[in-house]
Amino acid sequence: MSAQMADAINSQAMHAQINQAVTDTDTAADLLSSWSIHAELDELANTWRPALKGLQDRMSAGADALRGCATTHEWDDTLLGRDFEGL
């Protein structure tokens, strides 16, 4: 359930919104190239792009880890149940 929630938050729609926001920031920087704010907008896009990609990757890895824990827990329950069958 938790892995599914992480997947739902880290969806393709979220990826598209993040990409659009960074692209829009790049576009604004280009359009304002003669303004003093150009450098700040450019830096904003260039620093947020890898930061948000890293967040997406960590969320994906977290969901995978949660799935792995759930599988291991289920496996442990099965083995533990077998240990008590003879009692």
Protein backbone atom coordinates (compact mmCIF):
# COMPACT_ATOMS: atom_id res chain seq x y z
CA MET A 1 0.00 0.00 0.00
CA SER A 2 2.77 2.46 0.89
CA ALA A 3 4.68 1.58 -2.28
CA GLN A 4 1.55 2.20 -4.33
CA MET A 5 1.13 5.59 -2.65
CA ALA A 6 4.73 6.53 -3.46
CA ASP A 7 4.16 5.41 -7.06
CA ALA A 8 0.95 7.45 -7.25
CA ILE A 9 2.73 10.58 -6.02
CA ASN A 10 5.72 9.96 -8.29
CA SER A 11 3.50 9.48 -11.33
CA GLN A 12 4.05 10.34 -14.97
CA ALA A 13 1.72 13.31 -14.45
CA MET A 14 4.04 14.62 -11.72
CA HIS A 15 7.07 14.08 -13.96
CA ALA A 16 5.31 16.03 -16.73
CA GLN A 17 4.48 18.91 -14.36
CA ILE A 18 8.05 19.06 -13.07
CA ASN A 19 9.46 19.02 -16.61
CA GLN A 20 7.02 21.74 -17.64
CA ALA A 21 7.95 23.95 -14.69
CA VAL A 22 11.67 23.66 -15.43
CA THR A 23 11.08 24.20 -19.16
CA ASP A 24 8.96 27.27 -18.42
CA THR A 25 11.72 28.63 -16.19
CA ASP A 26 14.25 28.05 -18.99
CA THR A 27 11.94 29.81 -21.42
CA ALA A 28 11.50 32.77 -19.07
CA ALA A 29 15.27 33.02 -18.66
CA ASP A 30 15.70 33.03 -22.45
CA LEU A 31 12.98 35.65 -22.97
CA LEU A 32 14.51 37.87 -20.30
CA SER A 33 18.09 37.47 -21.48
CA SER A 34 18.70 41.21 -21.42
CA TRP A 35 17.29 41.61 -17.92
CA SER A 36 19.27 41.29 -14.72
CA ILE A 37 17.01 38.45 -13.55
CA HIS A 38 18.14 36.25 -16.47
CA ALA A 39 21.08 34.73 -14.59
CA GLU A 40 18.95 33.90 -11.55
CA LEU A 41 16.24 32.23 -13.63
CA ASP A 42 18.84 30.28 -15.56
CA GLU A 43 20.50 29.15 -12.34
CA LEU A 44 17.12 28.24 -10.87
CA ALA A 45 16.29 25.95 -13.78
CA ASN A 46 19.77 24.42 -13.82
CA THR A 47 19.79 23.65 -10.09
CA TRP A 48 16.19 22.49 -9.74
CA ARG A 49 16.34 20.10 -12.70
CA PRO A 50 18.84 17.67 -11.09
CA ALA A 51 17.36 18.21 -7.61
CA LEU A 52 13.87 17.25 -8.76
CA LYS A 53 15.22 14.34 -10.81
CA GLY A 54 17.01 13.13 -7.67
CA LEU A 55 13.78 13.40 -5.69
CA GLN A 56 11.93 11.37 -8.32
CA ASP A 57 14.66 8.72 -8.28
CA ARG A 58 14.63 8.53 -4.46
CA MET A 59 10.84 8.19 -4.42
CA SER A 60 11.05 5.38 -6.96
CA ALA A 61 13.79 3.63 -4.98
CA GLY A 62 11.76 4.04 -1.79
CA ALA A 63 8.72 2.44 -3.42
CA ASP A 64 10.88 -0.45 -4.64
CA ALA A 65 12.32 -0.89 -1.14
CA LEU A 66 8.84 -0.95 0.39
CA ARG A 67 7.76 -3.63 -2.10
CA GLY A 68 10.87 -5.64 -1.24
CA CYS A 69 10.13 -5.37 2.49
CA ALA A 70 6.54 -6.50 1.95
CA THR A 71 7.69 -9.50 -0.06
CA THR A 72 10.29 -10.44 2.54
CA HIS A 73 7.73 -10.06 5.34
CA GLU A 74 5.29 -12.35 3.52
CA TRP A 75 8.06 -14.89 2.96
CA ASP A 76 9.08 -14.74 6.64
CA ASP A 77 5.47 -15.26 7.75
CA THR A 78 5.18 -18.34 5.56
CA LEU A 79 8.41 -19.84 6.90
CA LEU A 80 7.51 -19.03 10.49
CA GLY A 81 4.11 -20.63 10.03
CA ARG A 82 5.79 -23.81 8.79
CA ASP A 83 7.97 -23.86 11.91
CA PHE A 84 4.87 -23.98 14.11
CA GLU A 85 2.95 -26.57 12.05
CA GLY A 86 4.34 -29.51 14.00
CA LEU A 87 3.52 -28.11 17.45
